[in-house]
Amino acid sequence: MGRLFVLSLEGKIYCCKHCRTHLALSEDIVSKSFQCKYGKAYLFGKVVNVTCGETEERTMMTGLHTVADIFCVGCGSIVGWKYETAHDKSQKYKEGKSVLERSGKDIRS
């Protein structure tokens, strides 16, 4: 197993609620109007310190998408998902972006 490199962010950050690993900056939020199984979720243009799982097709509220779950590199907890492909033209803006579940992270300033 290789050495784990974790990026530290400065400013208003979103962290894993389990291990406090930095995940994203508030300035990288694209939308706060997302929902997940457990409540609110935010769409981010950039996230750090995550690994991607296997891609799969999921039918969501906005249609069919190819997504991959994302996991915290610090503790392995699932923190959200990444949009790989949006099959509806109006949803293409999500491609390459990640959703962090609000229940899986903390906000730090």
Protein backbone atom coordinates (compact mmCIF):
# COMPACT_ATOMS: atom_id res chain seq x y z
CA MET A 1 0.00 0.00 0.00
CA GLY A 2 1.28 3.46 -0.90
CA ARG A 3 1.61 6.53 1.22
CA LEU A 4 -1.58 8.53 1.76
CA PHE A 5 -1.41 12.20 0.74
CA VAL A 6 -4.21 14.37 2.08
CA LEU A 7 -4.74 17.93 0.88
CA SER A 8 -5.52 20.61 3.47
CA LEU A 9 -7.84 23.42 2.43
CA GLU A 10 -8.10 26.96 3.78
CA GLY A 11 -11.25 29.02 4.16
CA LYS A 12 -14.80 27.79 4.73
CA ILE A 13 -14.41 24.05 4.24
CA TYR A 14 -16.56 20.95 4.23
CA CYS A 15 -15.09 18.00 6.15
CA CYS A 16 -15.88 14.34 6.63
CA LYS A 17 -17.96 14.09 9.81
CA HIS A 18 -16.18 10.90 10.86
CA CYS A 19 -12.52 11.87 10.56
CA ARG A 20 -12.52 15.61 9.72
CA THR A 21 -10.63 15.13 6.43
CA HIS A 22 -11.11 18.20 4.23
CA LEU A 23 -13.39 17.53 1.24
CA ALA A 24 -14.33 20.83 -0.43
CA LEU A 25 -14.47 24.61 -0.21
CA SER A 26 -17.76 26.48 0.04
CA GLU A 27 -16.74 28.59 -2.96
CA ASP A 28 -16.86 25.42 -5.11
CA ILE A 29 -20.59 24.86 -4.48
CA VAL A 30 -22.53 24.80 -7.74
CA SER A 31 -25.96 24.11 -6.20
CA LYS A 32 -27.48 23.58 -2.76
CA SER A 33 -30.78 22.22 -4.10
CA PHE A 34 -29.93 18.51 -4.14
CA GLN A 35 -31.48 15.69 -2.12
CA CYS A 36 -30.10 12.34 -1.04
CA LYS A 37 -31.56 9.44 0.94
CA TYR A 38 -30.81 11.12 4.24
CA GLY A 39 -31.59 14.77 3.50
CA LYS A 40 -29.83 17.69 1.85
CA ALA A 41 -26.87 17.42 -0.48
CA TYR A 42 -24.72 19.95 -2.32
CA LEU A 43 -23.30 19.80 -5.86
CA PHE A 44 -19.60 20.78 -5.99
CA GLY A 45 -17.46 21.60 -8.98
CA LYS A 46 -14.34 20.34 -7.17
CA VAL A 47 -13.78 17.95 -4.27
CA VAL A 48 -10.52 16.60 -2.81
CA ASN A 49 -9.42 13.68 -0.66
CA VAL A 50 -11.94 11.24 -2.12
CA THR A 51 -11.72 8.02 -4.11
CA CYS A 52 -14.30 6.82 -6.63
CA GLY A 53 -16.07 3.48 -6.55
CA GLU A 54 -17.43 1.52 -9.49
CA THR A 55 -19.64 3.36 -11.96
CA GLU A 56 -23.28 2.32 -12.22
CA GLU A 57 -26.50 3.47 -13.83
CA ARG A 58 -28.92 5.10 -11.37
CA THR A 59 -32.36 6.50 -11.95
CA MET A 60 -32.60 9.69 -9.92
CA MET A 61 -35.24 12.37 -9.61
CA THR A 62 -33.85 14.08 -12.73
CA GLY A 63 -33.51 10.95 -14.85
CA LEU A 64 -30.92 8.31 -15.67
CA HIS A 65 -27.28 9.04 -14.78
CA THR A 66 -24.01 7.11 -14.72
CA VAL A 67 -22.52 7.77 -11.27
CA ALA A 68 -19.82 6.49 -8.93
CA ASP A 69 -19.97 6.63 -5.14
CA ILE A 70 -17.17 8.69 -3.59
CA PHE A 71 -15.39 7.76 -0.37
CA CYS A 72 -13.30 9.75 2.11
CA VAL A 73 -9.61 8.82 1.80
CA GLY A 74 -9.16 9.35 5.54
CA CYS A 75 -11.65 6.82 6.86
CA GLY A 76 -13.33 5.17 3.85
CA SER A 77 -16.83 6.48 4.64
CA ILE A 78 -19.14 7.12 1.71
CA VAL A 79 -19.58 10.89 1.42
CA GLY A 80 -21.57 11.21 -1.81
CA TRP A 81 -21.35 10.45 -5.52
CA LYS A 82 -19.80 11.74 -8.73
CA TYR A 83 -21.73 12.25 -11.96
CA GLU A 84 -19.89 10.57 -14.82
CA THR A 85 -22.61 10.82 -17.49
CA ALA A 86 -26.00 12.49 -17.65
CA HIS A 87 -28.28 10.90 -20.24
CA ASP A 88 -30.65 13.88 -20.47
CA LYS A 89 -29.35 16.92 -22.36
CA SER A 90 -30.62 19.34 -19.71
CA GLN A 91 -28.58 17.54 -17.02
CA LYS A 92 -25.20 17.60 -18.82
CA TYR A 93 -23.96 20.41 -16.51
CA LYS A 94 -23.61 17.77 -13.74
CA GLU A 95 -21.02 15.68 -15.60
CA GLY A 96 -17.69 15.57 -13.78
CA LYS A 97 -19.15 17.21 -10.68
CA SER A 98 -19.65 15.63 -7.26
CA VAL A 99 -22.47 15.63 -4.74
CA LEU A 100 -21.57 15.63 -1.05
CA GLU A 101 -24.29 14.43 1.27
CA ARG A 102 -24.92 17.02 3.98
CA SER A 103 -25.28 14.30 6.61
CA GLY A 104 -21.78 13.02 5.90
CA LYS A 105 -19.78 16.19 6.45
CA ASP A 106 -19.16 19.11 8.77
CA ILE A 107 -18.58 22.77 7.96
CA ARG A 108 -15.46 24.43 9.35
CA SER A 109 -14.27 28.02 8.97
